[in-house]
Full PDB file with SEQRES, HELIX, SHEET, SSBOND, CRYST1, ORIGX, SCALE, CONECT and MASTER records, all heavy atoms in Angstrom:
SEQRES   1 A   41  LEU GLU ASP PRO ASN GLN ALA VAL ILE TRP ARG GLY PRO          
SEQRES   2 A   41  LEU ILE SER GLY ALA ILE LYS GLN PHE TYR GLU ASP VAL          
SEQRES   3 A   41  HIS TRP GLY ILE LEU ASP TYR LEU ILE VAL ASP LEU PRO          
SEQRES   4 A   41  PRO GLY                                                      
HELIX    1 AA1 GLY A   12  GLU A   24  1                                  13    
CRYST1    1.000    1.000    1.000  90.00  90.00  90.00 P 1           1          
ORIGX1      1.000000  0.000000  0.000000        0.00000                         
ORIGX2      0.000000  1.000000  0.000000        0.00000                         
ORIGX3      0.000000  0.000000  1.000000        0.00000                         
SCALE1      1.000000  0.000000  0.000000        0.00000                         
SCALE2      0.000000  1.000000  0.000000        0.00000                         
SCALE3      0.000000  0.000000  1.000000        0.00000                         
ATOM      1  N   LEU A   1       0.829  -1.206   0.000  1.00  0.00           N  
ATOM      2  CA  LEU A   1       0.000   0.000   0.000  1.00  0.00           C  
ATOM      3  C   LEU A   1       0.863   1.255   0.000  1.00  0.00           C  
ATOM      4  O   LEU A   1       1.910   1.305   0.651  1.00  0.00           O  
ATOM      5  CB  LEU A   1      -0.914   0.013   1.238  1.00  0.00           C  
ATOM      6  CG  LEU A   1      -1.881  -1.166   1.402  1.00  0.00           C  
ATOM      7  CD1 LEU A   1      -2.638  -1.038   2.721  1.00  0.00           C  
ATOM      8  CD2 LEU A   1      -2.840  -1.240   0.224  1.00  0.00           C  
ATOM      9  N   GLU A   2       0.431   2.271  -0.734  1.00  0.00           N  
ATOM     10  CA  GLU A   2       1.144   3.551  -0.714  1.00  0.00           C  
ATOM     11  C   GLU A   2       1.064   4.195   0.658  1.00  0.00           C  
ATOM     12  O   GLU A   2       2.009   4.809   1.134  1.00  0.00           O  
ATOM     13  CB  GLU A   2       0.555   4.490  -1.776  1.00  0.00           C  
ATOM     14  CG  GLU A   2       0.888   4.089  -3.205  1.00  0.00           C  
ATOM     15  CD  GLU A   2       2.384   4.067  -3.472  1.00  0.00           C  
ATOM     16  OE1 GLU A   2       3.102   4.924  -2.910  1.00  0.00           O  
ATOM     17  OE2 GLU A   2       2.841   3.175  -4.221  1.00  0.00           O  
ATOM     18  N   ASP A   3      -0.088   4.059   1.308  1.00  0.00           N  
ATOM     19  CA  ASP A   3      -0.300   4.593   2.652  1.00  0.00           C  
ATOM     20  C   ASP A   3      -0.612   3.427   3.576  1.00  0.00           C  
ATOM     21  O   ASP A   3      -1.646   2.767   3.435  1.00  0.00           O  
ATOM     22  CB  ASP A   3      -1.457   5.596   2.650  1.00  0.00           C  
ATOM     23  CG  ASP A   3      -1.723   6.187   4.037  1.00  0.00           C  
ATOM     24  OD1 ASP A   3      -0.982   5.843   4.985  1.00  0.00           O  
ATOM     25  OD2 ASP A   3      -2.670   6.985   4.162  1.00  0.00           O  
ATOM     26  N   PRO A   4       0.255   3.126   4.559  1.00  0.00           N  
ATOM     27  CA  PRO A   4       0.011   1.991   5.443  1.00  0.00           C  
ATOM     28  C   PRO A   4      -1.246   2.134   6.290  1.00  0.00           C  
ATOM     29  O   PRO A   4      -1.735   1.150   6.853  1.00  0.00           O  
ATOM     30  CB  PRO A   4       1.267   1.952   6.323  1.00  0.00           C  
ATOM     31  CG  PRO A   4       1.844   3.324   6.240  1.00  0.00           C  
ATOM     32  CD  PRO A   4       1.506   3.822   4.876  1.00  0.00           C  
ATOM     33  N   ASN A   5      -1.785   3.363   6.379  1.00  0.00           N  
ATOM     34  CA  ASN A   5      -3.020   3.580   7.136  1.00  0.00           C  
ATOM     35  C   ASN A   5      -4.278   3.391   6.285  1.00  0.00           C  
ATOM     36  O   ASN A   5      -5.395   3.509   6.780  1.00  0.00           O  
ATOM     37  CB  ASN A   5      -3.025   4.996   7.732  1.00  0.00           C  
ATOM     38  CG  ASN A   5      -1.891   5.203   8.725  1.00  0.00           C  
ATOM     39  OD1 ASN A   5      -1.696   4.380   9.616  1.00  0.00           O  
ATOM     40  ND2 ASN A   5      -1.142   6.277   8.559  1.00  0.00           N  
ATOM     41  N   GLN A   6      -4.073   3.113   4.998  1.00  0.00           N  
ATOM     42  CA  GLN A   6      -5.204   2.905   4.095  1.00  0.00           C  
ATOM     43  C   GLN A   6      -5.943   1.623   4.442  1.00  0.00           C  
ATOM     44  O   GLN A   6      -5.341   0.571   4.636  1.00  0.00           O  
ATOM     45  CB  GLN A   6      -4.695   2.838   2.647  1.00  0.00           C  
ATOM     46  CG  GLN A   6      -5.758   2.585   1.606  1.00  0.00           C  
ATOM     47  CD  GLN A   6      -5.155   2.444   0.215  1.00  0.00           C  
ATOM     48  OE1 GLN A   6      -4.007   2.836  -0.004  1.00  0.00           O  
ATOM     49  NE2 GLN A   6      -5.906   1.876  -0.706  1.00  0.00           N  
ATOM     50  N   ALA A   7      -7.272   1.713   4.525  1.00  0.00           N  
ATOM     51  CA  ALA A   7      -8.074   0.529   4.846  1.00  0.00           C  
ATOM     52  C   ALA A   7      -8.195  -0.383   3.629  1.00  0.00           C  
ATOM     53  O   ALA A   7      -8.326   0.090   2.502  1.00  0.00           O  
ATOM     54  CB  ALA A   7      -9.467   0.952   5.317  1.00  0.00           C  
ATOM     55  N   VAL A   8      -8.126  -1.678   3.867  1.00  0.00           N  
ATOM     56  CA  VAL A   8      -8.349  -2.672   2.813  1.00  0.00           C  
ATOM     57  C   VAL A   8      -9.786  -3.157   2.959  1.00  0.00           C  
ATOM     58  O   VAL A   8     -10.099  -3.979   3.814  1.00  0.00           O  
ATOM     59  CB  VAL A   8      -7.355  -3.844   2.940  1.00  0.00           C  
ATOM     60  CG1 VAL A   8      -7.615  -4.877   1.851  1.00  0.00           C  
ATOM     61  CG2 VAL A   8      -5.921  -3.336   2.876  1.00  0.00           C  
ATOM     62  N   ILE A   9     -10.664  -2.617   2.117  1.00  0.00           N  
ATOM     63  CA  ILE A   9     -12.096  -2.919   2.220  1.00  0.00           C  
ATOM     64  C   ILE A   9     -12.443  -3.909   1.120  1.00  0.00           C  
ATOM     65  O   ILE A   9     -12.875  -3.535   0.025  1.00  0.00           O  
ATOM     66  CB  ILE A   9     -12.942  -1.631   2.115  1.00  0.00           C  
ATOM     67  CG1 ILE A   9     -12.417  -0.572   3.104  1.00  0.00           C  
ATOM     68  CG2 ILE A   9     -14.413  -1.923   2.405  1.00  0.00           C  
ATOM     69  CD1 ILE A   9     -13.065   0.787   2.964  1.00  0.00           C  
ATOM     70  N   TRP A  10     -12.206  -5.171   1.408  1.00  0.00           N  
ATOM     71  CA  TRP A  10     -12.403  -6.223   0.424  1.00  0.00           C  
ATOM     72  C   TRP A  10     -13.382  -7.269   0.947  1.00  0.00           C  
ATOM     73  O   TRP A  10     -13.447  -7.530   2.144  1.00  0.00           O  
ATOM     74  CB  TRP A  10     -11.078  -6.931   0.123  1.00  0.00           C  
ATOM     75  CG  TRP A  10     -10.088  -6.121  -0.643  1.00  0.00           C  
ATOM     76  CD1 TRP A  10     -10.279  -4.897  -1.201  1.00  0.00           C  
ATOM     77  CD2 TRP A  10      -8.734  -6.491  -0.937  1.00  0.00           C  
ATOM     78  NE1 TRP A  10      -9.139  -4.473  -1.828  1.00  0.00           N  
ATOM     79  CE2 TRP A  10      -8.170  -5.437  -1.684  1.00  0.00           C  
ATOM     80  CE3 TRP A  10      -7.954  -7.596  -0.648  1.00  0.00           C  
ATOM     81  CZ2 TRP A  10      -6.865  -5.459  -2.140  1.00  0.00           C  
ATOM     82  CZ3 TRP A  10      -6.650  -7.633  -1.098  1.00  0.00           C  
ATOM     83  CH2 TRP A  10      -6.105  -6.573  -1.843  1.00  0.00           C  
ATOM     84  N   ARG A  11     -14.100  -7.863   0.004  1.00  0.00           N  
ATOM     85  CA  ARG A  11     -14.948  -8.995   0.356  1.00  0.00           C  
ATOM     86  C   ARG A  11     -14.116 -10.276   0.376  1.00  0.00           C  
ATOM     87  O   ARG A  11     -12.979 -10.307  -0.062  1.00  0.00           O  
ATOM     88  CB  ARG A  11     -16.111  -9.118  -0.631  1.00  0.00           C  
ATOM     89  CG  ARG A  11     -17.080  -7.942  -0.578  1.00  0.00           C  
ATOM     90  CD  ARG A  11     -18.328  -8.224  -1.401  1.00  0.00           C  
ATOM     91  NE  ARG A  11     -19.220  -7.077  -1.420  1.00  0.00           N  
ATOM     92  CZ  ARG A  11     -20.134  -6.819  -0.493  1.00  0.00           C  
ATOM     93  NH1 ARG A  11     -20.265  -7.647   0.539  1.00  0.00           N  
ATOM     94  NH2 ARG A  11     -20.909  -5.763  -0.576  1.00  0.00           N  
ATOM     95  N   GLY A  12     -14.738 -11.341   0.882  1.00  0.00           N  
ATOM     96  CA  GLY A  12     -14.048 -12.608   1.088  1.00  0.00           C  
ATOM     97  C   GLY A  12     -13.266 -13.138  -0.090  1.00  0.00           C  
ATOM     98  O   GLY A  12     -12.094 -13.510   0.060  1.00  0.00           O  
ATOM     99  N   PRO A  13     -13.835 -13.180  -1.304  1.00  0.00           N  
ATOM    100  CA  PRO A  13     -13.089 -13.741  -2.443  1.00  0.00           C  
ATOM    101  C   PRO A  13     -11.799 -12.995  -2.751  1.00  0.00           C  
ATOM    102  O   PRO A  13     -10.791 -13.614  -3.098  1.00  0.00           O  
ATOM    103  CB  PRO A  13     -14.097 -13.630  -3.599  1.00  0.00           C  
ATOM    104  CG  PRO A  13     -15.428 -13.669  -2.943  1.00  0.00           C  
ATOM    105  CD  PRO A  13     -15.247 -12.931  -1.655  1.00  0.00           C  
ATOM    106  N   LEU A  14     -11.813 -11.662  -2.631  1.00  0.00           N  
ATOM    107  CA  LEU A  14     -10.599 -10.886  -2.889  1.00  0.00           C  
ATOM    108  C   LEU A  14      -9.539 -11.168  -1.826  1.00  0.00           C  
ATOM    109  O   LEU A  14      -8.348 -11.286  -2.122  1.00  0.00           O  
ATOM    110  CB  LEU A  14     -10.921  -9.392  -2.920  1.00  0.00           C  
ATOM    111  CG  LEU A  14     -11.559  -8.842  -4.205  1.00  0.00           C  
ATOM    112  CD1 LEU A  14     -11.861  -7.370  -4.047  1.00  0.00           C  
ATOM    113  CD2 LEU A  14     -10.644  -9.070  -5.399  1.00  0.00           C  
ATOM    114  N   ILE A  15      -9.976 -11.276  -0.569  1.00  0.00           N  
ATOM    115  CA  ILE A  15      -9.044 -11.573   0.515  1.00  0.00           C  
ATOM    116  C   ILE A  15      -8.413 -12.949   0.312  1.00  0.00           C  
ATOM    117  O   ILE A  15      -7.205 -13.124   0.434  1.00  0.00           O  
ATOM    118  CB  ILE A  15      -9.771 -11.493   1.880  1.00  0.00           C  
ATOM    119  CG1 ILE A  15     -10.176 -10.044   2.173  1.00  0.00           C  
ATOM    120  CG2 ILE A  15      -8.893 -12.049   3.004  1.00  0.00           C  
ATOM    121  CD1 ILE A  15     -11.034  -9.875   3.407  1.00  0.00           C  
ATOM    122  N   SER A  16      -9.252 -13.918  -0.032  1.00  0.00           N  
ATOM    123  CA  SER A  16      -8.749 -15.274  -0.264  1.00  0.00           C  
ATOM    124  C   SER A  16      -7.755 -15.296  -1.421  1.00  0.00           C  
ATOM    125  O   SER A  16      -6.717 -15.975  -1.363  1.00  0.00           O  
ATOM    126  CB  SER A  16      -9.911 -16.222  -0.557  1.00  0.00           C  
ATOM    127  OG  SER A  16     -10.783 -16.307   0.556  1.00  0.00           O  
ATOM    128  N   GLY A  17      -8.055 -14.540  -2.484  1.00  0.00           N  
ATOM    129  CA  GLY A  17      -7.157 -14.483  -3.636  1.00  0.00           C  
ATOM    130  C   GLY A  17      -5.811 -13.880  -3.277  1.00  0.00           C  
ATOM    131  O   GLY A  17      -4.767 -14.347  -3.746  1.00  0.00           O  
ATOM    132  N   ALA A  18      -5.832 -12.838  -2.435  1.00  0.00           N  
ATOM    133  CA  ALA A  18      -4.574 -12.200  -2.038  1.00  0.00           C  
ATOM    134  C   ALA A  18      -3.715 -13.153  -1.223  1.00  0.00           C  
ATOM    135  O   ALA A  18      -2.490 -13.226  -1.406  1.00  0.00           O  
ATOM    136  CB  ALA A  18      -4.868 -10.942  -1.227  1.00  0.00           C  
ATOM    137  N   ILE A  19      -4.337 -13.915  -0.321  1.00  0.00           N  
ATOM    138  CA  ILE A  19      -3.574 -14.866   0.498  1.00  0.00           C  
ATOM    139  C   ILE A  19      -2.930 -15.927  -0.381  1.00  0.00           C  
ATOM    140  O   ILE A  19      -1.759 -16.277  -0.207  1.00  0.00           O  
ATOM    141  CB  ILE A  19      -4.497 -15.511   1.551  1.00  0.00           C  
ATOM    142  CG1 ILE A  19      -4.944 -14.462   2.565  1.00  0.00           C  
ATOM    143  CG2 ILE A  19      -3.783 -16.659   2.257  1.00  0.00           C  
ATOM    144  CD1 ILE A  19      -5.989 -14.948   3.534  1.00  0.00           C  
ATOM    145  N   LYS A  20      -3.674 -16.442  -1.353  1.00  0.00           N  
ATOM    146  CA  LYS A  20      -3.116 -17.456  -2.255  1.00  0.00           C  
ATOM    147  C   LYS A  20      -1.945 -16.886  -3.050  1.00  0.00           C  
ATOM    148  O   LYS A  20      -0.934 -17.559  -3.279  1.00  0.00           O  
ATOM    149  CB  LYS A  20      -4.207 -17.977  -3.188  1.00  0.00           C  
ATOM    150  CG  LYS A  20      -5.260 -18.831  -2.496  1.00  0.00           C  
ATOM    151  CD  LYS A  20      -6.334 -19.282  -3.445  1.00  0.00           C  
ATOM    152  CE  LYS A  20      -5.827 -20.289  -4.448  1.00  0.00           C  
ATOM    153  NZ  LYS A  20      -6.909 -20.826  -5.300  1.00  0.00           N  
ATOM    154  N   GLN A  21      -2.074 -15.616  -3.473  1.00  0.00           N  
ATOM    155  CA  GLN A  21      -0.978 -14.982  -4.213  1.00  0.00           C  
ATOM    156  C   GLN A  21       0.269 -14.829  -3.348  1.00  0.00           C  
ATOM    157  O   GLN A  21       1.391 -15.011  -3.826  1.00  0.00           O  
ATOM    158  CB  GLN A  21      -1.412 -13.616  -4.733  1.00  0.00           C  
ATOM    159  CG  GLN A  21      -2.237 -13.676  -6.006  1.00  0.00           C  
ATOM    160  CD  GLN A  21      -2.400 -12.296  -6.600  1.00  0.00           C  
ATOM    161  OE1 GLN A  21      -3.084 -11.443  -6.048  1.00  0.00           O  
ATOM    162  NE2 GLN A  21      -1.760 -12.064  -7.724  1.00  0.00           N  
ATOM    163  N   PHE A  22       0.070 -14.505  -2.065  1.00  0.00           N  
ATOM    164  CA  PHE A  22       1.217 -14.333  -1.175  1.00  0.00           C  
ATOM    165  C   PHE A  22       1.978 -15.642  -0.995  1.00  0.00           C  
ATOM    166  O   PHE A  22       3.172 -15.621  -0.690  1.00  0.00           O  
ATOM    167  CB  PHE A  22       0.762 -13.803   0.187  1.00  0.00           C  
ATOM    168  CG  PHE A  22       0.445 -12.336   0.194  1.00  0.00           C  
ATOM    169  CD1 PHE A  22      -0.126 -11.746   1.306  1.00  0.00           C  
ATOM    170  CD2 PHE A  22       0.723 -11.542  -0.903  1.00  0.00           C  
ATOM    171  CE1 PHE A  22      -0.416 -10.393   1.328  1.00  0.00           C  
ATOM    172  CE2 PHE A  22       0.441 -10.190  -0.905  1.00  0.00           C  
ATOM    173  CZ  PHE A  22      -0.133  -9.619   0.222  1.00  0.00           C  
ATOM    174  N   TYR A  23       1.308 -16.754  -1.167  1.00  0.00           N  
ATOM    175  CA  TYR A  23       2.001 -18.035  -1.081  1.00  0.00           C  
ATOM    176  C   TYR A  23       2.552 -18.457  -2.441  1.00  0.00           C  
ATOM    177  O   TYR A  23       3.720 -18.846  -2.556  1.00  0.00           O  
ATOM    178  CB  TYR A  23       1.071 -19.118  -0.539  1.00  0.00           C  
ATOM    179  CG  TYR A  23       1.695 -20.496  -0.574  1.00  0.00           C  
ATOM    180  CD1 TYR A  23       2.758 -20.808   0.262  1.00  0.00           C  
ATOM    181  CD2 TYR A  23       1.247 -21.464  -1.467  1.00  0.00           C  
ATOM    182  CE1 TYR A  23       3.360 -22.061   0.225  1.00  0.00           C  
ATOM    183  CE2 TYR A  23       1.844 -22.714  -1.514  1.00  0.00           C  
ATOM    184  CZ  TYR A  23       2.890 -23.012  -0.662  1.00  0.00           C  
ATOM    185  OH  TYR A  23       3.477 -24.246  -0.717  1.00  0.00           O  
ATOM    186  N   GLU A  24       1.735 -18.359  -3.489  1.00  0.00           N  
ATOM    187  CA  GLU A  24       2.102 -18.914  -4.789  1.00  0.00           C  
ATOM    188  C   GLU A  24       2.976 -17.988  -5.630  1.00  0.00           C  
ATOM    189  O   GLU A  24       3.824 -18.458  -6.399  1.00  0.00           O  
ATOM    190  CB  GLU A  24       0.834 -19.259  -5.577  1.00  0.00           C  
ATOM    191  CG  GLU A  24      -0.003 -20.357  -4.931  1.00  0.00           C  
ATOM    192  CD  GLU A  24      -1.312 -20.581  -5.650  1.00  0.00           C  
ATOM    193  OE1 GLU A  24      -1.628 -19.793  -6.577  1.00  0.00           O  
ATOM    194  OE2 GLU A  24      -2.034 -21.528  -5.292  1.00  0.00           O  
ATOM    195  N   ASP A  25       2.763 -16.677  -5.530  1.00  0.00           N  
ATOM    196  CA  ASP A  25       3.438 -15.741  -6.423  1.00  0.00           C  
ATOM    197  C   ASP A  25       4.631 -15.040  -5.788  1.00  0.00           C  
ATOM    198  O   ASP A  25       5.289 -14.228  -6.439  1.00  0.00           O  
ATOM    199  CB  ASP A  25       2.453 -14.672  -6.919  1.00  0.00           C  
ATOM    200  CG  ASP A  25       1.336 -15.275  -7.760  1.00  0.00           C  
ATOM    201  OD1 ASP A  25       1.419 -16.478  -8.062  1.00  0.00           O  
ATOM    202  OD2 ASP A  25       0.386 -14.551  -8.102  1.00  0.00           O  
ATOM    203  N   VAL A  26       4.897 -15.320  -4.529  1.00  0.00           N  
ATOM    204  CA  VAL A  26       6.056 -14.723  -3.860  1.00  0.00           C  
ATOM    205  C   VAL A  26       7.219 -15.697  -3.924  1.00  0.00           C  
ATOM    206  O   VAL A  26       7.069 -16.887  -3.639  1.00  0.00           O  
ATOM    207  CB  VAL A  26       5.727 -14.383  -2.389  1.00  0.00           C  
ATOM    208  CG1 VAL A  26       6.986 -13.959  -1.641  1.00  0.00           C  
ATOM    209  CG2 VAL A  26       4.692 -13.269  -2.332  1.00  0.00           C  
ATOM    210  N   HIS A  27       8.377 -15.192  -4.333  1.00  0.00           N  
ATOM    211  CA  HIS A  27       9.566 -16.036  -4.434  1.00  0.00           C  
ATOM    212  C   HIS A  27      10.230 -16.116  -3.059  1.00  0.00           C  
ATOM    213  O   HIS A  27      11.153 -15.360  -2.741  1.00  0.00           O  
ATOM    214  CB  HIS A  27      10.524 -15.462  -5.476  1.00  0.00           C  
ATOM    215  CG  HIS A  27      11.694 -16.362  -5.730  1.00  0.00           C  
ATOM    216  ND1 HIS A  27      12.878 -15.905  -6.244  1.00  0.00           N  
ATOM    217  CD2 HIS A  27      11.861 -17.685  -5.529  1.00  0.00           C  
ATOM    218  CE1 HIS A  27      13.721 -16.906  -6.351  1.00  0.00           C  
ATOM    219  NE2 HIS A  27      13.130 -17.994  -5.912  1.00  0.00           N  
ATOM    220  N   TRP A  28       9.744 -17.054  -2.237  1.00  0.00           N  
ATOM    221  CA  TRP A  28      10.269 -17.226  -0.889  1.00  0.00           C  
ATOM    222  C   TRP A  28      11.661 -17.860  -0.902  1.00  0.00           C  
ATOM    223  O   TRP A  28      12.428 -17.715   0.048  1.00  0.00           O  
ATOM    224  CB  TRP A  28       9.326 -18.091  -0.058  1.00  0.00           C  
ATOM    225  CG  TRP A  28       8.000 -17.471   0.222  1.00  0.00           C  
ATOM    226  CD1 TRP A  28       6.813 -17.720  -0.407  1.00  0.00           C  
ATOM    227  CD2 TRP A  28       7.717 -16.466   1.210  1.00  0.00           C  
ATOM    228  NE1 TRP A  28       5.807 -16.947   0.125  1.00  0.00           N  
ATOM    229  CE2 TRP A  28       6.335 -16.168   1.120  1.00  0.00           C  
ATOM    230  CE3 TRP A  28       8.487 -15.805   2.166  1.00  0.00           C  
ATOM    231  CZ2 TRP A  28       5.713 -15.245   1.942  1.00  0.00           C  
ATOM    232  CZ3 TRP A  28       7.875 -14.873   2.990  1.00  0.00           C  
ATOM    233  CH2 TRP A  28       6.509 -14.594   2.874  1.00  0.00           C  
ATOM    234  N   GLY A  29      11.967 -18.624  -1.949  1.00  0.00           N  
ATOM    235  CA  GLY A  29      13.263 -19.297  -2.022  1.00  0.00           C  
ATOM    236  C   GLY A  29      13.303 -20.515  -1.123  1.00  0.00           C  
ATOM    237  O   GLY A  29      12.320 -21.249  -0.982  1.00  0.00           O  
ATOM    238  N   ILE A  30      14.432 -20.737  -0.472  1.00  0.00           N  
ATOM    239  CA  ILE A  30      14.619 -21.895   0.399  1.00  0.00           C  
ATOM    240  C   ILE A  30      14.380 -21.473   1.842  1.00  0.00           C  
ATOM    241  O   ILE A  30      15.081 -20.603   2.374  1.00  0.00           O  
ATOM    242  CB  ILE A  30      16.038 -22.469   0.241  1.00  0.00           C  
ATOM    243  CG1 ILE A  30      16.284 -22.874  -1.212  1.00  0.00           C  
ATOM    244  CG2 ILE A  30      16.246 -23.664   1.170  1.00  0.00           C  
ATOM    245  CD1 ILE A  30      17.701 -23.322  -1.497  1.00  0.00           C  
ATOM    246  N   LEU A  31      13.387 -22.076   2.482  1.00  0.00           N  
ATOM    247  CA  LEU A  31      13.046 -21.769   3.869  1.00  0.00           C  
ATOM    248  C   LEU A  31      12.952 -23.050   4.685  1.00  0.00           C  
ATOM    249  O   LEU A  31      12.460 -24.068   4.213  1.00  0.00           O  
ATOM    250  CB  LEU A  31      11.698 -21.039   3.958  1.00  0.00           C  
ATOM    251  CG  LEU A  31      11.562 -19.650   3.340  1.00  0.00           C  
ATOM    252  CD1 LEU A  31      10.131 -19.146   3.516  1.00  0.00           C  
ATOM    253  CD2 LEU A  31      12.553 -18.668   3.962  1.00  0.00           C  
ATOM    254  N   ASP A  32      13.418 -22.965   5.926  1.00  0.00           N  
ATOM    255  CA  ASP A  32      13.161 -24.053   6.870  1.00  0.00           C  
ATOM    256  C   ASP A  32      11.741 -23.932   7.418  1.00  0.00           C  
ATOM    257  O   ASP A  32      11.054 -24.932   7.609  1.00  0.00           O  
ATOM    258  CB  ASP A  32      14.166 -24.000   8.024  1.00  0.00           C  
ATOM    259  CG  ASP A  32      15.590 -24.268   7.555  1.00  0.00           C  
ATOM    260  OD1 ASP A  32      15.796 -25.309   6.911  1.00  0.00           O  
ATOM    261  OD2 ASP A  32      16.474 -23.433   7.819  1.00  0.00           O  
ATOM    262  N   TYR A  33      11.318 -22.685   7.677  1.00  0.00           N  
ATOM    263  CA  TYR A  33       9.987 -22.438   8.227  1.00  0.00           C  
ATOM    264  C   TYR A  33       9.333 -21.233   7.547  1.00  0.00           C  
ATOM    265  O   TYR A  33       9.980 -20.201   7.354  1.00  0.00           O  
ATOM    266  CB  TYR A  33      10.054 -22.138   9.731  1.00  0.00           C  
ATOM    267  CG  TYR A  33      10.384 -23.345  10.579  1.00  0.00           C  
ATOM    268  CD1 TYR A  33      11.692 -23.600  10.975  1.00  0.00           C  
ATOM    269  CD2 TYR A  33       9.384 -24.236  10.992  1.00  0.00           C  
ATOM    270  CE1 TYR A  33      12.009 -24.707  11.753  1.00  0.00           C  
ATOM    271  CE2 TYR A  33       9.687 -25.336  11.771  1.00  0.00           C  
ATOM    272  CZ  TYR A  33      10.993 -25.568  12.145  1.00  0.00           C  
ATOM    273  OH  TYR A  33      11.290 -26.669  12.912  1.00  0.00           O  
ATOM    274  N   LEU A  34       8.070 -21.386   7.194  1.00  0.00           N  
ATOM    275  CA  LEU A  34       7.228 -20.257   6.812  1.00  0.00           C  
ATOM    276  C   LEU A  34       6.129 -20.162   7.861  1.00  0.00           C  
ATOM    277  O   LEU A  34       5.313 -21.081   8.013  1.00  0.00           O  
ATOM    278  CB  LEU A  34       6.612 -20.452   5.425  1.00  0.00           C  
ATOM    279  CG  LEU A  34       5.650 -19.353   4.973  1.00  0.00           C  
ATOM    280  CD1 LEU A  34       6.365 -18.007   4.862  1.00  0.00           C  
ATOM    281  CD2 LEU A  34       4.983 -19.710   3.639  1.00  0.00           C  
ATOM    282  N   ILE A  35       6.127 -19.067   8.620  1.00  0.00           N  
ATOM    283  CA  ILE A  35       5.112 -18.833   9.641  1.00  0.00           C  
ATOM    284  C   ILE A  35       4.007 -17.993   9.017  1.00  0.00           C  
ATOM    285  O   ILE A  35       4.272 -16.941   8.440  1.00  0.00           O  
ATOM    286  CB  ILE A  35       5.711 -18.106  10.866  1.00  0.00           C  
ATOM    287  CG1 ILE A  35       6.935 -18.863  11.400  1.00  0.00           C  
ATOM    288  CG2 ILE A  35       4.649 -17.933  11.947  1.00  0.00           C  
ATOM    289  CD1 ILE A  35       6.658 -20.269  11.832  1.00  0.00           C  
ATOM    290  N   VAL A  36       2.756 -18.463   9.144  1.00  0.00           N  
ATOM    291  CA  VAL A  36       1.614 -17.771   8.562  1.00  0.00           C  
ATOM    292  C   VAL A  36       0.769 -17.208   9.697  1.00  0.00           C  
ATOM    293  O   VAL A  36       0.229 -17.960  10.515  1.00  0.00           O  
ATOM    294  CB  VAL A  36       0.764 -18.712   7.690  1.00  0.00           C  
ATOM    295  CG1 VAL A  36      -0.378 -17.936   7.033  1.00  0.00           C  
ATOM    296  CG2 VAL A  36       1.626 -19.388   6.631  1.00  0.00           C  
ATOM    297  N   ASP A  37       0.673 -15.885   9.750  1.00  0.00           N  
ATOM    298  CA  ASP A  37      -0.135 -15.219  10.774  1.00  0.00           C  
ATOM    299  C   ASP A  37      -1.563 -15.085  10.258  1.00  0.00           C  
ATOM    300  O   ASP A  37      -1.840 -14.279   9.369  1.00  0.00           O  
ATOM    301  CB  ASP A  37       0.463 -13.844  11.099  1.00  0.00           C  
ATOM    302  CG  ASP A  37      -0.362 -13.086  12.132  1.00  0.00           C  
ATOM    303  OD1 ASP A  37      -0.943 -13.750  13.010  1.00  0.00           O  
ATOM    304  OD2 ASP A  37      -0.415 -11.847  12.054  1.00  0.00           O  
ATOM    305  N   LEU A  38      -2.475 -15.883  10.813  1.00  0.00           N  
ATOM    306  CA  LEU A  38      -3.864 -15.880  10.356  1.00  0.00           C  
ATOM    307  C   LEU A  38      -4.690 -14.830  11.079  1.00  0.00           C  
ATOM    308  O   LEU A  38      -4.397 -14.507  12.239  1.00  0.00           O  
ATOM    309  CB  LEU A  38      -4.500 -17.254  10.598  1.00  0.00           C  
ATOM    310  CG  LEU A  38      -4.168 -18.376   9.618  1.00  0.00           C  
ATOM    311  CD1 LEU A  38      -4.871 -19.655  10.033  1.00  0.00           C  
ATOM    312  CD2 LEU A  38      -4.587 -17.992   8.219  1.00  0.00           C  
ATOM    313  N   PRO A  39      -5.739 -14.311  10.442  1.00  0.00           N  
ATOM    314  CA  PRO A  39      -6.674 -13.457  11.168  1.00  0.00           C  
ATOM    315  C   PRO A  39      -7.450 -14.292  12.178  1.00  0.00           C  
ATOM    316  O   PRO A  39      -7.514 -15.520  12.052  1.00  0.00           O  
ATOM    317  CB  PRO A  39      -7.595 -12.919  10.069  1.00  0.00           C  
ATOM    318  CG  PRO A  39      -7.522 -13.940   8.987  1.00  0.00           C  
ATOM    319  CD  PRO A  39      -6.131 -14.490   9.038  1.00  0.00           C  
ATOM    320  N   PRO A  40      -8.044 -13.664  13.187  1.00  0.00           N  
ATOM    321  CA  PRO A  40      -8.786 -14.444  14.179  1.00  0.00           C  
ATOM    322  C   PRO A  40     -10.056 -15.052  13.592  1.00  0.00           C  
ATOM    323  O   PRO A  40     -10.595 -14.576  12.594  1.00  0.00           O  
ATOM    324  CB  PRO A  40      -9.119 -13.410  15.262  1.00  0.00           C  
ATOM    325  CG  PRO A  40      -9.070 -12.087  14.559  1.00  0.00           C  
ATOM    326  CD  PRO A  40      -8.015 -12.228  13.505  1.00  0.00           C  
ATOM    327  N   GLY A  41     -10.503 -16.123  14.217  1.00  0.00           N  
ATOM    328  CA  GLY A  41     -11.779 -16.724  13.829  1.00  0.00           C  
ATOM    329  C   GLY A  41     -11.643 -17.798  12.766  1.00  0.00           C  
ATOM    330  O   GLY A  41     -10.554 -18.266  12.441  1.00  0.00           O  
TER     331      GLY A  41                                                      
MASTER        0    0    0    1    0    0    0    6  330    1    0    4          
END                                                                             
């Protein structure tokens, strides 16, 4: 985000798509551990 205080006002499908992209489209390289911080609930 250009402004870290900007609200992300997305419905469920967009949120789910972003999470999948963060796993599939990010070049994490070689990791022993990937810790995923989930939202509550």
